[in-house]
């Protein structure tokens, strides 16, 4: 079995830049701005997605799961030992669990999620005794840009909510 591709720093930044652009578009659609890509052992994109919870009214509409579904269909398999997932925000417990179940070979993410992160932010499911699969995890790729995108999106959402409330009270 092949190992996950070893990407150069330039290639990682290229993919993360694409993901941040996709995440911005997703954020403009009212979704939390998260995007993910799955690369096979040759570096080819086999799964790509942004958050779709609001649009699809689906609690499973997280970017990582959207990308996993697509990659499973393209790969004709549910095992991803030789693949790499890149995402701009640390996966939540649901996504981290799915990535463990899918036996993802490597995960690269941008910003830690100190509230919901499950690969070290609040818990680390990858190192939990129940984890039956070992993944390589790389943290902090374009961390500042990734964090700023999320923080600014939530800040703007709070400002808009406050403005809407004030307009209703007038």
Protein backbone atom coordinates (compact mmCIF):
# COMPACT_ATOMS: atom_id res chain seq x y z
CA UNK A 1 0.00 0.00 0.00
CA UNK A 2 1.22 3.48 -0.86
CA UNK A 3 1.89 6.13 1.77
CA UNK A 4 0.29 9.58 1.73
CA UNK A 5 2.00 11.94 -0.68
CA UNK A 6 4.80 14.07 0.67
CA UNK A 7 3.89 17.60 -0.39
CA UNK A 8 6.38 20.42 -0.60
CA UNK A 9 5.67 23.55 1.45
CA UNK A 10 4.89 25.35 -1.81
CA UNK A 11 2.29 22.71 -2.75
CA UNK A 12 0.71 22.82 0.71
CA UNK A 13 0.42 26.60 0.54
CA UNK A 14 -1.04 26.38 -2.97
CA UNK A 15 -3.77 24.00 -1.75
CA UNK A 16 -4.48 25.98 1.41
CA UNK A 17 -4.76 29.20 -0.59
CA UNK A 18 -7.37 27.52 -2.79
CA UNK A 19 -9.20 26.27 0.28
CA UNK A 20 -9.23 29.70 1.90
CA UNK A 21 -10.70 31.16 -1.30
CA UNK A 22 -13.37 28.43 -1.35
CA UNK A 23 -14.03 28.97 2.37
CA UNK A 24 -14.56 32.72 1.78
CA UNK A 25 -17.18 31.91 -0.86
CA UNK A 26 -18.84 29.42 1.48
CA UNK A 27 -18.88 32.10 4.20
CA UNK A 28 -20.57 34.55 1.83
CA UNK A 29 -23.31 31.94 1.37
CA UNK A 30 -23.97 31.95 5.13
CA UNK A 31 -21.99 28.83 6.01
CA UNK A 32 -19.13 28.73 8.51
CA UNK A 33 -16.15 29.31 6.15
CA UNK A 34 -14.50 25.90 6.07
CA UNK A 35 -13.27 24.02 3.00
CA UNK A 36 -11.43 20.72 2.62
CA UNK A 37 -9.65 18.73 -0.08
CA UNK A 38 -8.55 15.09 -0.20
CA UNK A 39 -5.48 14.23 -2.26
CA UNK A 40 -4.59 10.70 -3.31
CA UNK A 41 -1.06 9.31 -3.08
CA UNK A 42 -0.22 10.90 -6.45
CA UNK A 43 -1.37 14.35 -5.30
CA UNK A 44 -4.59 14.31 -7.32
CA UNK A 45 -7.73 15.86 -5.86
CA UNK A 46 -10.30 13.11 -5.31
CA UNK A 47 -12.59 14.98 -2.92
CA UNK A 48 -13.36 18.66 -2.42
CA UNK A 49 -15.97 20.42 -0.39
CA UNK A 50 -17.11 23.35 1.67
CA UNK A 51 -19.53 23.48 4.57
CA UNK A 52 -23.11 22.83 3.38
CA UNK A 53 -25.05 22.46 6.64
CA UNK A 54 -27.30 25.47 6.09
CA UNK A 55 -27.78 25.01 2.35
CA UNK A 56 -28.56 21.30 2.64
CA UNK A 57 -30.22 21.50 6.06
CA UNK A 58 -27.90 18.63 6.94
CA UNK A 59 -26.03 18.30 10.26
CA UNK A 60 -23.49 16.14 8.40
CA UNK A 61 -22.76 18.89 5.87
CA UNK A 62 -19.27 19.64 7.18
CA UNK A 63 -16.57 20.30 4.57
CA UNK A 64 -14.53 17.24 5.58
CA UNK A 65 -17.54 14.92 5.26
CA UNK A 66 -18.56 16.44 1.91
CA UNK A 67 -15.02 15.79 0.64
CA UNK A 68 -15.00 12.26 2.12
CA UNK A 69 -18.27 11.35 0.39
CA UNK A 70 -16.96 12.56 -2.94
CA UNK A 71 -13.59 10.84 -2.48
CA UNK A 72 -15.27 7.56 -1.48
CA UNK A 73 -17.31 7.63 -4.66
CA UNK A 74 -14.29 8.52 -6.86
CA UNK A 75 -11.96 6.11 -5.02
CA UNK A 76 -14.60 3.35 -4.95
CA UNK A 77 -13.47 2.62 -1.39
CA UNK A 78 -13.93 3.97 2.12
CA UNK A 79 -10.30 3.50 3.16
CA UNK A 80 -7.90 6.41 2.74
CA UNK A 81 -4.62 5.17 4.27
CA UNK A 82 -2.63 6.65 1.38
CA UNK A 83 -4.49 9.96 1.18
CA UNK A 84 -4.08 13.43 2.67
CA UNK A 85 -6.87 15.73 3.81
CA UNK A 86 -6.16 19.47 3.95
CA UNK A 87 -8.65 21.76 5.73
CA UNK A 88 -8.46 25.34 6.98
CA UNK A 89 -9.89 24.61 10.47
CA UNK A 90 -9.12 21.79 12.90
CA UNK A 91 -11.77 19.08 12.50
CA UNK A 92 -14.56 18.79 15.08
CA UNK A 93 -15.24 15.53 16.97
CA UNK A 94 -17.66 14.27 14.30
CA UNK A 95 -15.23 14.92 11.45
CA UNK A 96 -12.18 13.69 13.34
CA UNK A 97 -14.07 10.49 14.15
CA UNK A 98 -15.03 10.05 10.51
CA UNK A 99 -11.43 10.62 9.41
CA UNK A 100 -10.25 7.97 11.87
CA UNK A 101 -12.94 5.56 10.65
CA UNK A 102 -11.92 6.31 7.05
CA UNK A 103 -8.30 5.60 7.99
CA UNK A 104 -7.09 8.91 6.55
CA UNK A 105 -3.32 8.75 6.17
CA UNK A 106 -2.49 12.39 6.86
CA UNK A 107 -4.36 15.51 7.95
CA UNK A 108 -3.04 19.02 7.43
CA UNK A 109 -5.02 21.89 8.89
CA UNK A 110 -4.67 25.64 9.26
CA UNK A 111 -6.11 27.00 12.47
CA UNK A 112 -6.64 25.22 15.77
CA UNK A 113 -10.20 25.25 17.07
CA UNK A 114 -9.94 25.82 20.84
CA UNK A 115 -13.72 25.37 21.29
CA UNK A 116 -14.51 22.29 19.19
CA UNK A 117 -11.24 20.94 17.80
CA UNK A 118 -10.82 17.19 18.13
CA UNK A 119 -7.23 16.73 17.00
CA UNK A 120 -5.72 18.58 19.93
CA UNK A 121 -7.86 21.74 20.38
CA UNK A 122 -10.15 20.40 23.10
CA UNK A 123 -9.52 16.68 22.76
CA UNK A 124 -7.34 14.55 20.53
CA UNK A 125 -9.31 11.65 19.14
CA UNK A 126 -6.35 10.59 17.01
CA UNK A 127 -4.42 9.76 20.19
CA UNK A 128 -7.33 8.36 22.17
CA UNK A 129 -6.97 4.72 23.26
CA UNK A 130 -10.00 3.81 21.14
CA UNK A 131 -8.37 5.08 17.93
CA UNK A 132 -7.57 2.00 15.88
CA UNK A 133 -5.72 3.93 13.21
CA UNK A 134 -2.66 6.16 13.39
CA UNK A 135 -2.77 9.34 11.33
CA UNK A 136 -0.04 11.87 10.67
CA UNK A 137 -1.27 15.31 11.71
CA UNK A 138 0.32 18.59 10.65
CA UNK A 139 -1.00 21.73 12.34
CA UNK A 140 -0.69 25.42 11.58
CA UNK A 141 -0.47 25.66 7.78
CA UNK A 142 -1.24 29.32 6.99
CA UNK A 143 -2.52 29.53 10.55
CA UNK A 144 -2.93 33.29 10.79
CA UNK A 145 -4.90 33.56 7.53
CA UNK A 146 -7.08 30.60 8.53
CA UNK A 147 -7.77 31.97 12.02
CA UNK A 148 -8.50 35.48 10.72
CA UNK A 149 -11.05 34.16 8.23
CA UNK A 150 -12.99 32.31 10.93
CA UNK A 151 -12.72 35.05 13.58
CA UNK A 152 -13.77 37.80 11.16
CA UNK A 153 -16.71 35.72 9.88
CA UNK A 154 -18.10 35.14 13.38
CA UNK A 155 -17.48 38.77 14.34
CA UNK A 156 -19.41 39.94 11.27
CA UNK A 157 -22.21 37.48 12.03
CA UNK A 158 -22.55 38.89 15.57
CA UNK A 159 -22.58 42.49 14.26
CA UNK A 160 -25.29 41.65 11.72
CA UNK A 161 -27.37 39.85 14.37
CA UNK A 162 -27.10 42.87 16.68
CA UNK A 163 -28.08 45.24 13.85
CA UNK A 164 -31.10 43.05 12.99
CA UNK A 165 -32.20 42.99 16.63
CA UNK A 166 -31.86 46.75 16.96
CA UNK A 167 -33.82 47.36 13.78
CA UNK A 168 -36.65 45.18 15.09
CA UNK A 169 -36.72 47.13 18.34
CA UNK A 170 -37.09 50.50 16.59
